[in-house]
Amino acid sequence: MQKTALTKAVAIALATMGAGAAFAQSSVTVYGNLDVAVDSATKGAGKITGTVWERNPTAKANVAAESHILRVAPSVSSSSALGVKGTEDLGAGYKAGFVLEGQMGLDTGAQNGQDSRMWGRQAFVGLTTPMGEVRLGRQYAPMFYSFAFSTVEALGGADLQAFGLVTNSLQIRQDNQISYWLKTGGLTASIAYSPQAGVSKYVSSVRAPETNGDSTGQILGGASAGTEAAGTDKRGQSFGLFANYAVSDAFMVNAAYHMNHFGDAVAISYNKDASGSSLDPKVTPLFNLDKHSSYSIGAKYTVPEMGTQISGIFHAGKYEMDAGSPVQNIKTNTFALGVKHPIGNFAVGAQYAVSKFTNFSEGKDTALMLIGDYNFSKRTKLYARFGFAKDDAGKEANTGNSTLTNFGLGVNGGPLPALTGLGSQETPFFSGAGANVGNTTRMLAIGVRHQF
């Protein structure tokens, strides 16, 4: 059976656990995954993706007409990556190892994702002992692995089974992480803690902070958000658990838990008018964040002899506010199913996902993706993806800033577009095509993936 990019990514992430014969001696390996497609995306008319209504009541910047774009899009079926990994056998069951991994966009050749950090995907060293492995550095969060083990795809921009993961980007990667891994029999498990996983003093939709994150805010997990600082009331502290159990060669189940503190962080609106110029005041406080917690339950089954993969995952998350905030406990639920069936060198499949606010705006996102692959070899495939994501706007959710009600600081939409505007996402869905609140985005992509 073809080794997918996801399988390889998980293997790399677990590389320093020392289970394979390839790690019997000191070694350094360069590896990569290249994914690029010709992509057509159409967005129906509606409110701009994730917009917190403009402070200026005469501005129309929150209204978007129907749009269409034809582009060369990176990382559609999987994320492009370039990495270096190494291990040294220290003897007596001890090994040292490291992973450095960055992401590039094949559309321009520039660093892509994680705010253009050179090693933004992973950067850690590890020590394997007879009792498990300890890792230090920038790593995937435990929640990430629940989704990685529970998808028929490879967590690219078109992978609908990643919907719950992107409701908080600290569920994907974390700065300053300390993790412990254990692999025994059919069990793979981890526990992780970070003193500052990546929360700035202000949380906003700004991807690359202007001057510094304390003036404009930045997304969760932003480039300078993970700096440890004294007196921040637990800001950025994170904790997570993951466990996967292989019941048999064909069936596995997993679960994960995530929690991060916001401490003294405040969610803000970075105010611009219709031309993109900053308004005065430059930022408007929306609500005081307290913490985010979530859990997931996933499973994957491969039909013996047929090779058909069937997987599903359920995810529930909750943003809690400070006690005095009018907005309390923004809750999300996400459910996704996937199936993929090999036919010779071909593989066909489909994914379905629904993600919703159970309170707040009560908005909902529903999506379907059709999957087609042709495997030229174990390393190279031609793929096609065709699907849509429909946003139901729900009702207007007030941000709780009662002193500015005349300026319409409300939020509509389901979790995917709305949380983009509130700064909780690192990577917008559909490889950045996004969606207008209250309408449908349709996507068709034909691309190539190559691993080395």
Foldseek 3Di string as FASTA:
>chain_A
DFQAPLNVVVCVQCVAQPPDPVQPAKDKDKWWKWKKWWKKKKFAWFFPFQDQFALPQVFPLRTDHIDMDTAIFTFQQHFTKIKMKIKHDPDPFKMKMWIFMFGAGPRVRAGDFLLRDRRNAWTWIWMHHPAWMKIWFKYFAQLQVQLSQFFPTRPTQNGQSCVQVQLFVLNGIFGGKIKTWDDDDQKTKMKMKHLARFAAQEFFLAQADDVDCVQQHAFGSHPPRRDDDPPQQSARIKIKIKMKGDPDPFKIKIKMKIKGFRRNHFFWAQHDGNVRHADVVRIGTQFAWGMKMKMKIKMWGQPPPFRKIKIKMKMKMWTAGPPPFPDGIFIKIKIKIKIWTDDPQKIWIKMWMKMFTPDQQRKIKTKMKIWIWGHPDSFKIKIKIKMKIFIAFHHWGGSRPVVSVVSNSTGTIGSQRNSSRRRRGRARHSSPPGHHHGGMMIMIIIMMMGID
